Amino acid sequence: MKQLPKFFAAHLLLMFFSILASAQDNKDQRYIFFLHNAFVEQNPLNVAHPEYGKAEYNEILASFRKDNFVVYSEIRSKNTNAAEYAKKIVKQIKALLKKGVPPSKITVIGTSKGGYIAQYTSTYLANPDVNFVFIGCFRDVDIEQAPEINFCGNILTIYEKSDIYGVSAIKRKETSKLKINHFKEIELNTNLKHGFLYKASDLWIAPSKKWANENYDLN
């Protein structure tokens, strides 16, 4: 995997240390790990997808931060291995837990490829009290192609009716062998296909915030 520039890697390290420091200062703080889609991994943010338009990555982060979440996110290197990257996220979550952050105040949110990383994180972390939001990132063939994934935690899945790359994940829930405390699904009907998750849209961001605030009824 291509290495991040040293100055960028150092910046990310400092950012996470600041997150750990805030964890010590404020036990009521809530944390979001946001994992973007593959297009952001492969292209500069000013490049538009030919069908879906620009990925509103910074706008998505700004929306979460506006509601006082501490957000950890980075633009990944090209061709990042999803399962291996998930192990990095697991280490960071465990560092927060070690600092005394309650698991229910930690939420991992992923769109498309980022959603698969979030699913692997759920599997490897195996903590039923951490929150996860999987967005546009399950197909029925995943049961056979990625049998190692097991949902664990408080799981919200969001998918778009017109999107062939993300459907109901009920089948994965049924085959998962780890503990799931809460599970809910939302089907959107925007007709934007996979492009719905490129947008900083409250149609998926608002329920994600509710889930991160432990509002598992989404009311």
C-alpha atoms as a PDB file:
ATOM      1  CA  MET A   1       0.000   0.000   0.000  1.00  0.00           C
ATOM      2  CA  LYS A   2       1.287   3.458  -0.862  1.00  0.00           C
ATOM      3  CA  GLN A   3       2.661   5.245   2.177  1.00  0.00           C
ATOM      4  CA  LEU A   4       1.226   8.560   3.327  1.00  0.00           C
ATOM      5  CA  PRO A   5       3.603  11.547   3.152  1.00  0.00           C
ATOM      6  CA  LYS A   6       5.487  11.868   6.436  1.00  0.00           C
ATOM      7  CA  PHE A   7       4.076  15.316   7.240  1.00  0.00           C
ATOM      8  CA  PHE A   8       0.501  14.087   6.636  1.00  0.00           C
ATOM      9  CA  ALA A   9       0.983  10.962   8.737  1.00  0.00           C
ATOM     10  CA  ALA A  10       2.425  13.082  11.552  1.00  0.00           C
ATOM     11  CA  HIS A  11      -0.588  15.414  11.362  1.00  0.00           C
ATOM     12  CA  LEU A  12      -2.969  12.470  11.656  1.00  0.00           C
ATOM     13  CA  LEU A  13      -1.041  11.135  14.636  1.00  0.00           C
ATOM     14  CA  LEU A  14      -1.237  14.504  16.384  1.00  0.00           C
ATOM     15  CA  MET A  15      -4.955  14.686  15.628  1.00  0.00           C
ATOM     16  CA  PHE A  16      -5.604  11.325  17.261  1.00  0.00           C
ATOM     17  CA  PHE A  17      -3.504  12.219  20.307  1.00  0.00           C
ATOM     18  CA  SER A  18      -5.670  15.337  20.673  1.00  0.00           C
ATOM     19  CA  ILE A  19      -8.730  13.080  20.581  1.00  0.00           C
ATOM     20  CA  LEU A  20      -7.259  10.993  23.390  1.00  0.00           C
ATOM     21  CA  ALA A  21      -6.543  14.140  25.395  1.00  0.00           C
ATOM     22  CA  SER A  22     -10.138  15.316  25.019  1.00  0.00           C
ATOM     23  CA  ALA A  23     -11.311  11.880  26.118  1.00  0.00           C
ATOM     24  CA  GLN A  24      -9.554  12.433  29.432  1.00  0.00           C
ATOM     25  CA  ASP A  25     -11.019  15.925  29.838  1.00  0.00           C
ATOM     26  CA  ASN A  26     -14.651  15.263  28.927  1.00  0.00           C
ATOM     27  CA  LYS A  27     -16.243  11.933  29.750  1.00  0.00           C
ATOM     28  CA  ASP A  28     -19.526  13.004  28.098  1.00  0.00           C
ATOM     29  CA  GLN A  29     -17.950  13.662  24.702  1.00  0.00           C
ATOM     30  CA  ARG A  30     -19.137  11.560  21.764  1.00  0.00           C
ATOM     31  CA  TYR A  31     -16.834  10.360  19.001  1.00  0.00           C
ATOM     32  CA  ILE A  32     -17.375   9.508  15.347  1.00  0.00           C
ATOM     33  CA  PHE A  33     -15.000   7.626  13.091  1.00  0.00           C
ATOM     34  CA  PHE A  34     -16.066   8.489   9.552  1.00  0.00           C
ATOM     35  CA  LEU A  35     -14.895   6.272   6.691  1.00  0.00           C
ATOM     36  CA  HIS A  36     -15.437   7.610   3.174  1.00  0.00           C
ATOM     37  CA  ASN A  37     -16.144   5.812  -0.091  1.00  0.00           C
ATOM     38  CA  ALA A  38     -13.637   4.479  -2.636  1.00  0.00           C
ATOM     39  CA  PHE A  39     -14.007   7.424  -5.032  1.00  0.00           C
ATOM     40  CA  VAL A  40     -12.471   9.782  -2.463  1.00  0.00           C
ATOM     41  CA  GLU A  41      -9.648   7.286  -2.041  1.00  0.00           C
ATOM     42  CA  GLN A  42      -8.919   7.318  -5.764  1.00  0.00           C
ATOM     43  CA  ASN A  43      -9.537  10.964  -6.718  1.00  0.00           C
ATOM     44  CA  PRO A  44      -8.906  14.515  -5.455  1.00  0.00           C
ATOM     45  CA  LEU A  45     -11.922  16.101  -3.791  1.00  0.00           C
ATOM     46  CA  ASN A  46     -12.328  18.629  -6.596  1.00  0.00           C
ATOM     47  CA  VAL A  47     -12.867  15.853  -9.156  1.00  0.00           C
ATOM     48  CA  ALA A  48     -16.505  15.002  -9.847  1.00  0.00           C
ATOM     49  CA  HIS A  49     -17.752  11.485 -10.457  1.00  0.00           C
ATOM     50  CA  PRO A  50     -19.167  11.346 -14.011  1.00  0.00           C
ATOM     51  CA  GLU A  51     -22.590  10.259 -12.740  1.00  0.00           C
ATOM     52  CA  TYR A  52     -22.766  11.186  -9.064  1.00  0.00           C
ATOM     53  CA  GLY A  53     -20.930  14.510  -8.936  1.00  0.00           C
ATOM     54  CA  LYS A  54     -18.427  15.618  -6.308  1.00  0.00           C
ATOM     55  CA  ALA A  55     -18.041  13.736  -3.060  1.00  0.00           C
ATOM     56  CA  GLU A  56     -18.951  16.174  -0.280  1.00  0.00           C
ATOM     57  CA  TYR A  57     -16.433  14.743   2.154  1.00  0.00           C
ATOM     58  CA  ASN A  58     -15.555  17.960   3.990  1.00  0.00           C
ATOM     59  CA  GLU A  59     -19.206  18.997   4.185  1.00  0.00           C
ATOM     60  CA  ILE A  60     -20.087  15.651   5.765  1.00  0.00           C
ATOM     61  CA  LEU A  61     -17.386  16.068   8.414  1.00  0.00           C
ATOM     62  CA  ALA A  62     -18.488  19.651   9.063  1.00  0.00           C
ATOM     63  CA  SER A  63     -22.055  18.508   9.649  1.00  0.00           C
ATOM     64  CA  PHE A  64     -21.002  16.043  12.343  1.00  0.00           C
ATOM     65  CA  ARG A  65     -18.664  18.550  13.979  1.00  0.00           C
ATOM     66  CA  LYS A  66     -21.389  21.195  13.982  1.00  0.00           C
ATOM     67  CA  ASP A  67     -23.303  18.965  16.380  1.00  0.00           C
ATOM     68  CA  ASN A  68     -20.290  18.739  18.715  1.00  0.00           C
ATOM     69  CA  PHE A  69     -19.059  15.290  17.774  1.00  0.00           C
ATOM     70  CA  VAL A  70     -15.314  14.790  17.834  1.00  0.00           C
ATOM     71  CA  VAL A  71     -14.704  13.369  14.371  1.00  0.00           C
ATOM     72  CA  TYR A  72     -11.755  11.250  13.346  1.00  0.00           C
ATOM     73  CA  SER A  73     -11.382  10.810   9.590  1.00  0.00           C
ATOM     74  CA  GLU A  74      -8.679  10.835   6.947  1.00  0.00           C
ATOM     75  CA  ILE A  75      -8.438  10.437   3.191  1.00  0.00           C
ATOM     76  CA  ARG A  76      -7.007   6.967   2.767  1.00  0.00           C
ATOM     77  CA  SER A  77      -4.213   5.976   0.410  1.00  0.00           C
ATOM     78  CA  LYS A  78      -5.261   4.530  -2.940  1.00  0.00           C
ATOM     79  CA  ASN A  79      -6.173   0.839  -2.986  1.00  0.00           C
ATOM     80  CA  THR A  80      -6.310   0.577   0.801  1.00  0.00           C
ATOM     81  CA  ASN A  81      -7.018  -2.937   2.028  1.00  0.00           C
ATOM     82  CA  ALA A  82     -10.338  -2.714   3.875  1.00  0.00           C
ATOM     83  CA  ALA A  83      -9.722  -5.498   6.379  1.00  0.00           C
ATOM     84  CA  GLU A  84      -6.233  -4.266   7.269  1.00  0.00           C
ATOM     85  CA  TYR A  85      -7.376  -0.664   7.637  1.00  0.00           C
ATOM     86  CA  ALA A  86     -10.139  -1.820   9.986  1.00  0.00           C
ATOM     87  CA  LYS A  87      -7.486  -3.163  12.357  1.00  0.00           C
ATOM     88  CA  LYS A  88      -6.081   0.369  12.622  1.00  0.00           C
ATOM     89  CA  ILE A  89      -9.523   1.722  13.544  1.00  0.00           C
ATOM     90  CA  VAL A  90      -9.946  -1.036  16.144  1.00  0.00           C
ATOM     91  CA  LYS A  91      -6.670   0.020  17.809  1.00  0.00           C
ATOM     92  CA  GLN A  92      -7.831   3.627  17.956  1.00  0.00           C
ATOM     93  CA  ILE A  93     -11.203   2.675  19.433  1.00  0.00           C
ATOM     94  CA  LYS A  94      -9.519   0.495  22.042  1.00  0.00           C
ATOM     95  CA  ALA A  95      -7.296   3.449  22.961  1.00  0.00           C
ATOM     96  CA  LEU A  96     -10.417   5.539  23.615  1.00  0.00           C
ATOM     97  CA  LEU A  97     -11.990   2.732  25.642  1.00  0.00           C
ATOM     98  CA  LYS A  98      -8.798   2.440  27.689  1.00  0.00           C
ATOM     99  CA  LYS A  99      -9.069   6.162  28.477  1.00  0.00           C
ATOM    100  CA  GLY A 100     -12.510   5.497  29.961  1.00  0.00           C
ATOM    101  CA  VAL A 101     -14.769   6.502  27.079  1.00  0.00           C
ATOM    102  CA  PRO A 102     -17.994   4.446  27.291  1.00  0.00           C
ATOM    103  CA  PRO A 103     -18.372   2.267  24.180  1.00  0.00           C
ATOM    104  CA  SER A 104     -21.843   3.672  23.457  1.00  0.00           C
ATOM    105  CA  LYS A 105     -20.270   7.113  22.942  1.00  0.00           C
ATOM    106  CA  ILE A 106     -18.209   5.795  20.026  1.00  0.00           C
ATOM    107  CA  THR A 107     -19.757   5.458  16.557  1.00  0.00           C
ATOM    108  CA  VAL A 108     -18.180   4.160  13.373  1.00  0.00           C
ATOM    109  CA  ILE A 109     -19.882   5.434  10.207  1.00  0.00           C
ATOM    110  CA  GLY A 110     -18.902   4.224   6.758  1.00  0.00           C
ATOM    111  CA  THR A 111     -20.154   4.868   3.230  1.00  0.00           C
ATOM    112  CA  SER A 112     -19.644   2.317   0.424  1.00  0.00           C
ATOM    113  CA  LYS A 113     -16.055   0.980   0.766  1.00  0.00           C
ATOM    114  CA  GLY A 114     -15.849   2.854   4.049  1.00  0.00           C
ATOM    115  CA  GLY A 115     -18.914   0.898   5.122  1.00  0.00           C
ATOM    116  CA  TYR A 116     -17.101  -2.360   4.456  1.00  0.00           C
ATOM    117  CA  ILE A 117     -14.199  -1.118   6.582  1.00  0.00           C
ATOM    118  CA  ALA A 118     -16.760  -0.323   9.291  1.00  0.00           C
ATOM    119  CA  GLN A 119     -18.161  -3.848   9.009  1.00  0.00           C
ATOM    120  CA  TYR A 120     -14.707  -5.349   9.463  1.00  0.00           C
ATOM    121  CA  THR A 121     -14.186  -3.012  12.405  1.00  0.00           C
ATOM    122  CA  SER A 122     -17.405  -4.304  13.946  1.00  0.00           C
ATOM    123  CA  THR A 123     -16.194  -7.880  13.473  1.00  0.00           C
ATOM    124  CA  TYR A 124     -12.670  -7.388  14.835  1.00  0.00           C
ATOM    125  CA  LEU A 125     -13.654  -5.131  17.732  1.00  0.00           C
ATOM    126  CA  ALA A 126     -16.470  -7.490  18.793  1.00  0.00           C
ATOM    127  CA  ASN A 127     -17.865  -4.986  21.289  1.00  0.00           C
ATOM    128  CA  PRO A 128     -21.678  -5.112  21.336  1.00  0.00           C
ATOM    129  CA  ASP A 129     -21.987  -1.642  22.898  1.00  0.00           C
ATOM    130  CA  VAL A 130     -20.199   0.357  20.164  1.00  0.00           C
ATOM    131  CA  ASN A 131     -22.401   2.010  17.516  1.00  0.00           C
ATOM    132  CA  PHE A 132     -22.061   1.390  13.786  1.00  0.00           C
ATOM    133  CA  VAL A 133     -23.747   2.917  10.740  1.00  0.00           C
ATOM    134  CA  PHE A 134     -23.264   1.064   7.449  1.00  0.00           C
ATOM    135  CA  ILE A 135     -24.326   3.125   4.427  1.00  0.00           C
ATOM    136  CA  GLY A 136     -24.761   1.715   0.923  1.00  0.00           C
ATOM    137  CA  CYS A 137     -22.422  -1.190   1.569  1.00  0.00           C
ATOM    138  CA  PHE A 138     -24.091  -4.577   1.448  1.00  0.00           C
ATOM    139  CA  ARG A 139     -24.988  -6.892  -1.421  1.00  0.00           C
ATOM    140  CA  ASP A 140     -26.448 -10.378  -1.089  1.00  0.00           C
ATOM    141  CA  VAL A 141     -23.313 -11.871  -2.690  1.00  0.00           C
ATOM    142  CA  ASP A 142     -21.303 -10.598   0.296  1.00  0.00           C
ATOM    143  CA  ILE A 143     -22.520 -13.569   2.329  1.00  0.00           C
ATOM    144  CA  GLU A 144     -20.472 -15.875   0.087  1.00  0.00           C
ATOM    145  CA  GLN A 145     -17.710 -13.461  -0.923  1.00  0.00           C
ATOM    146  CA  ALA A 146     -16.954 -12.119   2.567  1.00  0.00           C
ATOM    147  CA  PRO A 147     -18.149 -14.820   4.999  1.00  0.00           C
ATOM    148  CA  GLU A 148     -15.659 -13.643   7.633  1.00  0.00           C
ATOM    149  CA  ILE A 149     -17.724 -10.522   8.387  1.00  0.00           C
ATOM    150  CA  ASN A 150     -19.939 -10.761  11.468  1.00  0.00           C
ATOM    151  CA  PHE A 151     -21.943  -7.798  12.683  1.00  0.00           C
ATOM    152  CA  CYS A 152     -21.442  -6.884  16.329  1.00  0.00           C
ATOM    153  CA  GLY A 153     -22.685  -3.811  18.178  1.00  0.00           C
ATOM    154  CA  ASN A 154     -25.571  -1.409  17.725  1.00  0.00           C
ATOM    155  CA  ILE A 155     -26.101  -1.617  13.978  1.00  0.00           C
ATOM    156  CA  LEU A 156     -27.898   0.869  11.721  1.00  0.00           C
ATOM    157  CA  THR A 157     -27.849   0.216   7.984  1.00  0.00           C
ATOM    158  CA  ILE A 158     -28.974   2.810   5.446  1.00  0.00           C
ATOM    159  CA  TYR A 159     -29.469   2.008   1.787  1.00  0.00           C
ATOM    160  CA  GLU A 160     -31.070   3.581  -1.269  1.00  0.00           C
ATOM    161  CA  LYS A 161     -33.830   1.770  -3.165  1.00  0.00           C
ATOM    162  CA  SER A 162     -32.322   2.642  -6.573  1.00  0.00           C
ATOM    163  CA  ASP A 163     -28.775   1.615  -5.586  1.00  0.00           C
ATOM    164  CA  ILE A 164     -27.588  -1.806  -6.794  1.00  0.00           C
ATOM    165  CA  TYR A 165     -24.455  -1.564  -4.605  1.00  0.00           C
ATOM    166  CA  GLY A 166     -26.322  -1.383  -1.312  1.00  0.00           C
ATOM    167  CA  VAL A 167     -29.390  -3.358  -0.256  1.00  0.00           C
ATOM    168  CA  SER A 168     -30.967  -4.571   2.991  1.00  0.00           C
ATOM    169  CA  ALA A 169     -28.391  -6.294   5.216  1.00  0.00           C
ATOM    170  CA  ILE A 170     -30.900  -8.489   7.031  1.00  0.00           C
ATOM    171  CA  LYS A 171     -29.192 -11.565   5.598  1.00  0.00           C
ATOM    172  CA  ARG A 172     -25.881 -10.538   7.184  1.00  0.00           C
ATOM    173  CA  LYS A 173     -27.602  -9.933  10.506  1.00  0.00           C
ATOM    174  CA  GLU A 174     -29.094 -13.415  10.341  1.00  0.00           C
ATOM    175  CA  THR A 175     -25.747 -15.081   9.616  1.00  0.00           C
ATOM    176  CA  SER A 176     -23.706 -13.068  12.140  1.00  0.00           C
ATOM    177  CA  LYS A 177     -22.548 -15.007  15.171  1.00  0.00           C
ATOM    178  CA  LEU A 178     -21.626 -12.054  17.401  1.00  0.00           C
ATOM    179  CA  LYS A 179     -23.909 -10.053  19.702  1.00  0.00           C
ATOM    180  CA  ILE A 180     -26.069  -7.313  18.206  1.00  0.00           C
ATOM    181  CA  ASN A 181     -27.780  -5.196  20.864  1.00  0.00           C
ATOM    182  CA  HIS A 182     -29.761  -2.973  18.487  1.00  0.00           C
ATOM    183  CA  PHE A 183     -30.446  -3.333  14.777  1.00  0.00           C
ATOM    184  CA  LYS A 184     -32.380  -1.042  12.469  1.00  0.00           C
ATOM    185  CA  GLU A 185     -32.554  -0.378   8.741  1.00  0.00           C
ATOM    186  CA  ILE A 186     -33.587   2.647   6.698  1.00  0.00           C
ATOM    187  CA  GLU A 187     -34.481   2.445   3.011  1.00  0.00           C
ATOM    188  CA  LEU A 188     -34.217   5.776   1.196  1.00  0.00           C
ATOM    189  CA  ASN A 189     -36.005   6.602  -2.040  1.00  0.00           C
ATOM    190  CA  THR A 190     -34.049   9.479  -3.613  1.00  0.00           C
ATOM    191  CA  ASN A 191     -33.544   7.905  -7.050  1.00  0.00           C
ATOM    192  CA  LEU A 192     -29.888   9.001  -6.796  1.00  0.00           C
ATOM    193  CA  LYS A 193     -28.546   5.441  -6.992  1.00  0.00           C
ATOM    194  CA  HIS A 194     -25.141   5.122  -5.315  1.00  0.00           C
ATOM    195  CA  GLY A 195     -24.731   8.883  -5.581  1.00  0.00           C
ATOM    196  CA  PHE A 196     -26.914   9.466  -2.511  1.00  0.00           C
ATOM    197  CA  LEU A 197     -23.945   8.831  -0.233  1.00  0.00           C
ATOM    198  CA  TYR A 198     -21.743  11.336  -2.065  1.00  0.00           C
ATOM    199  CA  LYS A 199     -23.950  14.115  -0.712  1.00  0.00           C
ATOM    200  CA  ALA A 200     -23.884  15.717   2.733  1.00  0.00           C
ATOM    201  CA  SER A 201     -27.583  14.900   2.955  1.00  0.00           C
ATOM    202  CA  ASP A 202     -29.578  14.904   6.171  1.00  0.00           C
ATOM    203  CA  LEU A 203     -31.507  11.951   4.779  1.00  0.00           C
ATOM    204  CA  TRP A 204     -28.648   9.756   6.004  1.00  0.00           C
ATOM    205  CA  ILE A 205     -26.627  12.125   8.198  1.00  0.00           C
ATOM    206  CA  ALA A 206     -29.532  12.980  10.551  1.00  0.00           C
ATOM    207  CA  PRO A 207     -30.338   9.343  11.478  1.00  0.00           C
ATOM    208  CA  SER A 208     -26.609   8.661  11.807  1.00  0.00           C
ATOM    209  CA  LYS A 209     -26.385  11.459  14.392  1.00  0.00           C
ATOM    210  CA  LYS A 210     -29.382  10.078  16.262  1.00  0.00           C
ATOM    211  CA  TRP A 211     -27.767   6.639  16.332  1.00  0.00           C
ATOM    212  CA  ALA A 212     -24.510   8.151  17.598  1.00  0.00           C
ATOM    213  CA  ASN A 213     -26.519   9.831  20.372  1.00  0.00           C
ATOM    214  CA  GLU A 214     -27.921   6.439  21.435  1.00  0.00           C
ATOM    215  CA  ASN A 215     -31.366   7.217  20.036  1.00  0.00           C
ATOM    216  CA  TYR A 216     -31.899   3.698  18.781  1.00  0.00           C
ATOM    217  CA  ASP A 217     -35.581   4.290  18.076  1.00  0.00           C
ATOM    218  CA  LEU A 218     -34.602   7.143  15.712  1.00  0.00           C
ATOM    219  CA  ASN A 219     -37.461   9.269  16.968  1.00  0.00           C
END
